[in-house]
PDB file of all heavy atoms in Angstrom:
ATOM      1  N   PRO A   1       0.829  -1.214   0.000  1.00  0.00           N
ATOM      2  CA  PRO A   1       0.000   0.000   0.000  1.00  0.00           C
ATOM      3  C   PRO A   1       0.864   1.265   0.000  1.00  0.00           C
ATOM      4  O   PRO A   1       2.009   1.254   0.448  1.00  0.00           O
ATOM      5  CB  PRO A   1      -0.768  -0.119   1.314  1.00  0.00           C
ATOM      6  CG  PRO A   1       0.170  -0.855   2.221  1.00  0.00           C
ATOM      7  CD  PRO A   1       0.899  -1.839   1.336  1.00  0.00           C
ATOM      8  N   ASP A   2       0.287   2.341  -0.486  1.00  0.00           N
ATOM      9  CA  ASP A   2       0.916   3.651  -0.391  1.00  0.00           C
ATOM     10  C   ASP A   2       0.476   4.370   0.876  1.00  0.00           C
ATOM     11  O   ASP A   2       1.110   5.349   1.288  1.00  0.00           O
ATOM     12  CB  ASP A   2       0.531   4.506  -1.607  1.00  0.00           C
ATOM     13  CG  ASP A   2       0.875   3.839  -2.916  1.00  0.00           C
ATOM     14  OD1 ASP A   2       2.039   3.428  -3.075  1.00  0.00           O
ATOM     15  OD2 ASP A   2      -0.023   3.715  -3.774  1.00  0.00           O
ATOM     16  N   LEU A   3      -0.613   3.891   1.472  1.00  0.00           N
ATOM     17  CA  LEU A   3      -1.215   4.573   2.612  1.00  0.00           C
ATOM     18  C   LEU A   3      -2.018   3.561   3.425  1.00  0.00           C
ATOM     19  O   LEU A   3      -2.639   2.662   2.860  1.00  0.00           O
ATOM     20  CB  LEU A   3      -2.151   5.685   2.106  1.00  0.00           C
ATOM     21  CG  LEU A   3      -2.928   6.523   3.111  1.00  0.00           C
ATOM     22  CD1 LEU A   3      -1.976   7.387   3.934  1.00  0.00           C
ATOM     23  CD2 LEU A   3      -3.951   7.405   2.381  1.00  0.00           C
ATOM     24  N   ILE A   4      -1.991   3.691   4.755  1.00  0.00           N
ATOM     25  CA  ILE A   4      -2.841   2.920   5.662  1.00  0.00           C
ATOM     26  C   ILE A   4      -3.814   3.896   6.301  1.00  0.00           C
ATOM     27  O   ILE A   4      -3.422   4.991   6.729  1.00  0.00           O
ATOM     28  CB  ILE A   4      -2.013   2.210   6.753  1.00  0.00           C
ATOM     29  CG1 ILE A   4      -1.012   1.236   6.135  1.00  0.00           C
ATOM     30  CG2 ILE A   4      -2.933   1.469   7.727  1.00  0.00           C
ATOM     31  CD1 ILE A   4       0.000   0.682   7.141  1.00  0.00           C
ATOM     32  N   VAL A   5      -5.078   3.520   6.358  1.00  0.00           N
ATOM     33  CA  VAL A   5      -6.095   4.396   6.950  1.00  0.00           C
ATOM     34  C   VAL A   5      -6.886   3.619   7.991  1.00  0.00           C
ATOM     35  O   VAL A   5      -7.337   2.502   7.736  1.00  0.00           O
ATOM     36  CB  VAL A   5      -7.057   4.947   5.878  1.00  0.00           C
ATOM     37  CG1 VAL A   5      -8.188   5.744   6.530  1.00  0.00           C
ATOM     38  CG2 VAL A   5      -6.307   5.820   4.876  1.00  0.00           C
ATOM     39  N   ASP A   6      -7.044   4.234   9.166  1.00  0.00           N
ATOM     40  CA  ASP A   6      -7.909   3.678  10.197  1.00  0.00           C
ATOM     41  C   ASP A   6      -8.964   4.722  10.540  1.00  0.00           C
ATOM     42  O   ASP A   6      -8.735   5.926  10.394  1.00  0.00           O
ATOM     43  CB  ASP A   6      -7.103   3.319  11.449  1.00  0.00           C
ATOM     44  CG  ASP A   6      -7.919   2.512  12.459  1.00  0.00           C
ATOM     45  OD1 ASP A   6      -8.960   1.948  12.053  1.00  0.00           O
ATOM     46  OD2 ASP A   6      -7.521   2.449  13.631  1.00  0.00           O
ATOM     47  N   SER A   7     -10.114   4.273  10.997  1.00  0.00           N
ATOM     48  CA  SER A   7     -11.182   5.163  11.438  1.00  0.00           C
ATOM     49  C   SER A   7     -11.776   4.590  12.709  1.00  0.00           C
ATOM     50  O   SER A   7     -12.224   3.441  12.725  1.00  0.00           O
ATOM     51  CB  SER A   7     -12.266   5.287  10.362  1.00  0.00           C
ATOM     52  OG  SER A   7     -13.360   6.056  10.830  1.00  0.00           O
ATOM     53  N   GLY A   8     -11.747   5.385  13.763  1.00  0.00           N
ATOM     54  CA  GLY A   8     -12.254   4.899  15.043  1.00  0.00           C
ATOM     55  C   GLY A   8     -11.766   5.782  16.163  1.00  0.00           C
ATOM     56  O   GLY A   8     -11.726   7.009  16.045  1.00  0.00           O
ATOM     57  N   SER A   9     -11.361   5.173  17.247  1.00  0.00           N
ATOM     58  CA  SER A   9     -10.874   5.919  18.401  1.00  0.00           C
ATOM     59  C   SER A   9      -9.567   6.628  18.071  1.00  0.00           C
ATOM     60  O   SER A   9      -8.693   6.080  17.392  1.00  0.00           O
ATOM     61  CB  SER A   9     -10.650   4.972  19.579  1.00  0.00           C
ATOM     62  OG  SER A   9      -9.992   5.652  20.637  1.00  0.00           O
ATOM     63  N   THR A  10      -9.437   7.855  18.552  1.00  0.00           N
ATOM     64  CA  THR A  10      -8.177   8.586  18.419  1.00  0.00           C
ATOM     65  C   THR A  10      -7.483   8.692  19.778  1.00  0.00           C
ATOM     66  O   THR A  10      -6.682   9.590  20.012  1.00  0.00           O
ATOM     67  CB  THR A  10      -8.417   9.991  17.849  1.00  0.00           C
ATOM     68  OG1 THR A  10      -9.349  10.689  18.689  1.00  0.00           O
ATOM     69  CG2 THR A  10      -8.955   9.918  16.437  1.00  0.00           C
ATOM     70  N   GLY A  11      -7.814   7.764  20.670  1.00  0.00           N
ATOM     71  CA  GLY A  11      -7.182   7.733  21.983  1.00  0.00           C
ATOM     72  C   GLY A  11      -5.719   7.312  21.907  1.00  0.00           C
ATOM     73  O   GLY A  11      -5.210   6.895  20.868  1.00  0.00           O
ATOM     74  N   ARG A  12      -5.074   7.381  23.028  1.00  0.00           N
ATOM     75  CA  ARG A  12      -3.623   7.146  23.099  1.00  0.00           C
ATOM     76  C   ARG A  12      -3.216   5.791  22.535  1.00  0.00           C
ATOM     77  O   ARG A  12      -2.227   5.674  21.812  1.00  0.00           O
ATOM     78  CB  ARG A  12      -3.167   7.271  24.557  1.00  0.00           C
ATOM     79  CG  ARG A  12      -1.682   7.025  24.752  1.00  0.00           C
ATOM     80  CD  ARG A  12      -1.294   7.192  26.206  1.00  0.00           C
ATOM     81  NE  ARG A  12       0.091   6.833  26.447  1.00  0.00           N
ATOM     82  CZ  ARG A  12       0.681   6.864  27.635  1.00  0.00           C
ATOM     83  NH1 ARG A  12      -0.016   7.245  28.701  1.00  0.00           N
ATOM     84  NH2 ARG A  12       1.943   6.510  27.758  1.00  0.00           N
ATOM     85  N   THR A  13      -3.973   4.757  22.866  1.00  0.00           N
ATOM     86  CA  THR A  13      -3.631   3.413  22.401  1.00  0.00           C
ATOM     87  C   THR A  13      -3.533   3.360  20.882  1.00  0.00           C
ATOM     88  O   THR A  13      -2.604   2.774  20.319  1.00  0.00           O
ATOM     89  CB  THR A  13      -4.691   2.399  22.870  1.00  0.00           C
ATOM     90  OG1 THR A  13      -4.656   2.313  24.292  1.00  0.00           O
ATOM     91  CG2 THR A  13      -4.422   1.018  22.283  1.00  0.00           C
ATOM     92  N   TYR A  14      -4.475   3.998  20.222  1.00  0.00           N
ATOM     93  CA  TYR A  14      -4.520   3.927  18.758  1.00  0.00           C
ATOM     94  C   TYR A  14      -3.538   4.882  18.102  1.00  0.00           C
ATOM     95  O   TYR A  14      -3.031   4.611  17.012  1.00  0.00           O
ATOM     96  CB  TYR A  14      -5.961   4.156  18.281  1.00  0.00           C
ATOM     97  CG  TYR A  14      -6.835   3.006  18.713  1.00  0.00           C
ATOM     98  CD1 TYR A  14      -7.503   3.050  19.931  1.00  0.00           C
ATOM     99  CD2 TYR A  14      -6.928   1.854  17.945  1.00  0.00           C
ATOM    100  CE1 TYR A  14      -8.258   1.973  20.365  1.00  0.00           C
ATOM    101  CE2 TYR A  14      -7.684   0.778  18.356  1.00  0.00           C
ATOM    102  CZ  TYR A  14      -8.343   0.834  19.572  1.00  0.00           C
ATOM    103  OH  TYR A  14      -9.084  -0.232  19.998  1.00  0.00           O
ATOM    104  N   VAL A  15      -3.267   5.990  18.766  1.00  0.00           N
ATOM    105  CA  VAL A  15      -2.217   6.879  18.263  1.00  0.00           C
ATOM    106  C   VAL A  15      -0.865   6.179  18.339  1.00  0.00           C
ATOM    107  O   VAL A  15      -0.069   6.209  17.389  1.00  0.00           O
ATOM    108  CB  VAL A  15      -2.191   8.197  19.066  1.00  0.00           C
ATOM    109  CG1 VAL A  15      -0.930   8.997  18.745  1.00  0.00           C
ATOM    110  CG2 VAL A  15      -3.435   9.029  18.776  1.00  0.00           C
ATOM    111  N   GLU A  16      -0.603   5.520  19.453  1.00  0.00           N
ATOM    112  CA  GLU A  16       0.666   4.797  19.600  1.00  0.00           C
ATOM    113  C   GLU A  16       0.778   3.687  18.565  1.00  0.00           C
ATOM    114  O   GLU A  16       1.860   3.454  18.002  1.00  0.00           O
ATOM    115  CB  GLU A  16       0.779   4.227  21.009  1.00  0.00           C
ATOM    116  CG  GLU A  16       0.976   5.285  22.080  1.00  0.00           C
ATOM    117  CD  GLU A  16       1.023   4.679  23.473  1.00  0.00           C
ATOM    118  OE1 GLU A  16       0.760   3.463  23.599  1.00  0.00           O
ATOM    119  OE2 GLU A  16       1.322   5.423  24.431  1.00  0.00           O
ATOM    120  N   LEU A  17      -0.315   2.990  18.316  1.00  0.00           N
ATOM    121  CA  LEU A  17      -0.300   1.936  17.312  1.00  0.00           C
ATOM    122  C   LEU A  17       0.005   2.510  15.932  1.00  0.00           C
ATOM    123  O   LEU A  17       0.834   1.968  15.183  1.00  0.00           O
ATOM    124  CB  LEU A  17      -1.646   1.217  17.284  1.00  0.00           C
ATOM    125  CG  LEU A  17      -1.832   0.192  16.167  1.00  0.00           C
ATOM    126  CD1 LEU A  17      -0.866  -0.967  16.337  1.00  0.00           C
ATOM    127  CD2 LEU A  17      -3.270  -0.300  16.126  1.00  0.00           C
ATOM    128  N   ALA A  18      -0.649   3.606  15.588  1.00  0.00           N
ATOM    129  CA  ALA A  18      -0.419   4.231  14.289  1.00  0.00           C
ATOM    130  C   ALA A  18       1.038   4.651  14.140  1.00  0.00           C
ATOM    131  O   ALA A  18       1.667   4.438  13.083  1.00  0.00           O
ATOM    132  CB  ALA A  18      -1.336   5.433  14.120  1.00  0.00           C
ATOM    133  N   GLU A  19       1.589   5.240  15.179  1.00  0.00           N
ATOM    134  CA  GLU A  19       2.996   5.672  15.129  1.00  0.00           C
ATOM    135  C   GLU A  19       3.933   4.475  14.965  1.00  0.00           C
ATOM    136  O   GLU A  19       4.890   4.511  14.197  1.00  0.00           O
ATOM    137  CB  GLU A  19       3.344   6.444  16.401  1.00  0.00           C
ATOM    138  CG  GLU A  19       2.627   7.775  16.546  1.00  0.00           C
ATOM    139  CD  GLU A  19       3.121   8.805  15.552  1.00  0.00           C
ATOM    140  OE1 GLU A  19       4.207   8.610  14.971  1.00  0.00           O
ATOM    141  OE2 GLU A  19       2.396   9.795  15.329  1.00  0.00           O
ATOM    142  N   ARG A  20       3.646   3.410  15.703  1.00  0.00           N
ATOM    143  CA  ARG A  20       4.502   2.223  15.643  1.00  0.00           C
ATOM    144  C   ARG A  20       4.462   1.593  14.243  1.00  0.00           C
ATOM    145  O   ARG A  20       5.501   1.260  13.670  1.00  0.00           O
ATOM    146  CB  ARG A  20       4.035   1.215  16.687  1.00  0.00           C
ATOM    147  CG  ARG A  20       4.869  -0.070  16.778  1.00  0.00           C
ATOM    148  CD  ARG A  20       6.193   0.183  17.489  1.00  0.00           C
ATOM    149  NE  ARG A  20       5.945   0.635  18.832  1.00  0.00           N
ATOM    150  CZ  ARG A  20       5.759  -0.177  19.880  1.00  0.00           C
ATOM    151  NH1 ARG A  20       5.768  -1.486  19.701  1.00  0.00           N
ATOM    152  NH2 ARG A  20       5.558   0.317  21.077  1.00  0.00           N
ATOM    153  N   VAL A  21       3.266   1.427  13.707  1.00  0.00           N
ATOM    154  CA  VAL A  21       3.125   0.816  12.387  1.00  0.00           C
ATOM    155  C   VAL A  21       3.812   1.677  11.330  1.00  0.00           C
ATOM    156  O   VAL A  21       4.539   1.178  10.465  1.00  0.00           O
ATOM    157  CB  VAL A  21       1.634   0.616  12.041  1.00  0.00           C
ATOM    158  CG1 VAL A  21       1.468   0.195  10.587  1.00  0.00           C
ATOM    159  CG2 VAL A  21       1.020  -0.430  12.961  1.00  0.00           C
ATOM    160  N   GLN A  22       3.585   2.979  11.413  1.00  0.00           N
ATOM    161  CA  GLN A  22       4.183   3.887  10.438  1.00  0.00           C
ATOM    162  C   GLN A  22       5.707   3.859  10.511  1.00  0.00           C
ATOM    163  O   GLN A  22       6.395   3.827   9.478  1.00  0.00           O
ATOM    164  CB  GLN A  22       3.665   5.307  10.688  1.00  0.00           C
ATOM    165  CG  GLN A  22       4.155   6.337   9.692  1.00  0.00           C
ATOM    166  CD  GLN A  22       3.428   7.648   9.865  1.00  0.00           C
ATOM    167  OE1 GLN A  22       2.311   7.804   9.412  1.00  0.00           O
ATOM    168  NE2 GLN A  22       4.058   8.599  10.546  1.00  0.00           N
ATOM    169  N   GLN A  23       6.235   3.835  11.722  1.00  0.00           N
ATOM    170  CA  GLN A  23       7.688   3.825  11.895  1.00  0.00           C
ATOM    171  C   GLN A  23       8.305   2.531  11.372  1.00  0.00           C
ATOM    172  O   GLN A  23       9.371   2.538  10.735  1.00  0.00           O
ATOM    173  CB  GLN A  23       8.037   4.003  13.375  1.00  0.00           C
ATOM    174  CG  GLN A  23       9.538   4.016  13.654  1.00  0.00           C
ATOM    175  CD  GLN A  23       9.816   4.162  15.137  1.00  0.00           C
ATOM    176  OE1 GLN A  23       9.040   3.719  15.982  1.00  0.00           O
ATOM    177  NE2 GLN A  23      10.926   4.790  15.472  1.00  0.00           N
ATOM    178  N   GLN A  24       7.654   1.422  11.591  1.00  0.00           N
ATOM    179  CA  GLN A  24       8.239   0.144  11.241  1.00  0.00           C
ATOM    180  C   GLN A  24       8.021  -0.262   9.795  1.00  0.00           C
ATOM    181  O   GLN A  24       8.682  -1.170   9.307  1.00  0.00           O
ATOM    182  CB  GLN A  24       7.711  -0.945  12.184  1.00  0.00           C
ATOM    183  CG  GLN A  24       8.162  -0.722  13.623  1.00  0.00           C
ATOM    184  CD  GLN A  24       7.829  -1.899  14.522  1.00  0.00           C
ATOM    185  OE1 GLN A  24       6.806  -2.538  14.353  1.00  0.00           O
ATOM    186  NE2 GLN A  24       8.699  -2.168  15.471  1.00  0.00           N
ATOM    187  N   THR A  25       7.106   0.402   9.122  1.00  0.00           N
ATOM    188  CA  THR A  25       6.881   0.076   7.707  1.00  0.00           C
ATOM    189  C   THR A  25       7.308   1.184   6.758  1.00  0.00           C
ATOM    190  O   THR A  25       7.540   0.933   5.578  1.00  0.00           O
ATOM    191  CB  THR A  25       5.382  -0.193   7.431  1.00  0.00           C
ATOM    192  OG1 THR A  25       4.635   1.001   7.685  1.00  0.00           O
ATOM    193  CG2 THR A  25       4.871  -1.325   8.292  1.00  0.00           C
TER     194      THR A  25
END
């Protein structure tokens, strides 16, 4: 993919997940 998109909670858990996935991929 060129982009990953999630829609849902913007709480800390999901922000951290987004950052981790983005950093590692």
